[in-house]
Amino acid sequence: MIITLDNAYQSELLLLPARNSAGELKGLEVLVNFTGVGSDVRIPTELVIPRLSAAEELGKVRTSP
């Protein structure tokens, strides 16, 4: 997803598996980073989320890279 505030940012999703001591998968932690399109500039997720519309917020979950 690409979001435009003062600059254009794209979302990067990182999925981290959560496993128990036996190595069984118990869940996934989803981390979202927003980076500048064409640059390494990052914006804190806490600043982006409040500016998303309901459709954009739903789109960030439904779209896949």
Protein backbone atom coordinates (compact mmCIF):
# COMPACT_ATOMS: atom_id res chain seq x y z
CA MET A 1 0.00 0.00 0.00
CA ILE A 2 1.25 3.49 -0.81
CA ILE A 3 0.16 6.37 1.42
CA THR A 4 0.79 10.03 0.62
CA LEU A 5 1.13 12.50 3.49
CA ASP A 6 3.72 15.20 2.74
CA ASN A 7 5.71 12.42 1.04
CA ALA A 8 4.71 9.04 -0.39
CA TYR A 9 5.21 6.08 1.94
CA GLN A 10 4.79 2.37 1.38
CA SER A 11 4.01 -0.27 3.97
CA GLU A 12 6.34 -3.16 4.72
CA LEU A 13 4.95 -6.14 6.61
CA LEU A 14 7.09 -8.45 8.72
CA LEU A 15 5.52 -11.66 10.04
CA LEU A 16 7.24 -13.18 13.07
CA PRO A 17 6.23 -16.68 14.17
CA ALA A 18 5.47 -17.25 17.85
CA ARG A 19 6.39 -20.80 18.90
CA ASN A 20 6.16 -22.69 22.17
CA SER A 21 9.06 -24.63 23.72
CA ALA A 22 8.15 -27.68 21.60
CA GLY A 23 8.54 -25.61 18.43
CA GLU A 24 4.83 -25.61 17.58
CA LEU A 25 3.46 -22.50 15.91
CA LYS A 26 1.13 -20.67 18.29
CA GLY A 27 0.59 -17.43 16.39
CA LEU A 28 2.08 -14.68 14.26
CA GLU A 29 3.18 -11.21 15.25
CA VAL A 30 2.60 -8.71 12.45
CA LEU A 31 4.90 -5.69 12.34
CA VAL A 32 4.18 -2.83 9.96
CA ASN A 33 6.76 -0.25 8.91
CA PHE A 34 6.16 2.71 6.63
CA THR A 35 9.12 3.77 4.49
CA GLY A 36 9.49 6.48 1.90
CA VAL A 37 8.92 5.40 -1.70
CA GLY A 38 12.36 5.39 -3.30
CA SER A 39 14.18 6.21 -0.04
CA ASP A 40 15.02 4.75 3.35
CA VAL A 41 13.09 7.42 5.27
CA ARG A 42 10.81 5.82 7.86
CA ILE A 43 7.77 7.29 9.57
CA PRO A 44 6.53 5.86 12.88
CA THR A 45 3.44 3.69 12.46
CA GLU A 46 1.78 5.62 15.30
CA LEU A 47 1.81 8.75 13.11
CA VAL A 48 0.40 7.02 10.02
CA ILE A 49 -2.45 4.92 11.43
CA PRO A 50 -4.58 7.87 12.68
CA ARG A 51 -4.44 9.45 9.19
CA LEU A 52 -5.72 6.36 7.34
CA SER A 53 -9.29 6.18 6.13
CA ALA A 54 -11.31 3.06 6.95
CA ALA A 55 -10.81 1.82 3.37
CA GLU A 56 -7.02 2.37 3.54
CA GLU A 57 -6.80 0.62 6.90
CA LEU A 58 -8.71 -2.38 5.54
CA GLY A 59 -6.54 -2.32 2.40
CA LYS A 60 -3.35 -2.59 4.42
CA VAL A 61 -4.58 -5.94 5.74
CA ARG A 62 -5.95 -7.26 2.44
CA THR A 63 -3.14 -6.31 0.07
CA SER A 64 -0.13 -8.52 -0.32
CA PRO A 65 3.27 -7.46 -1.65
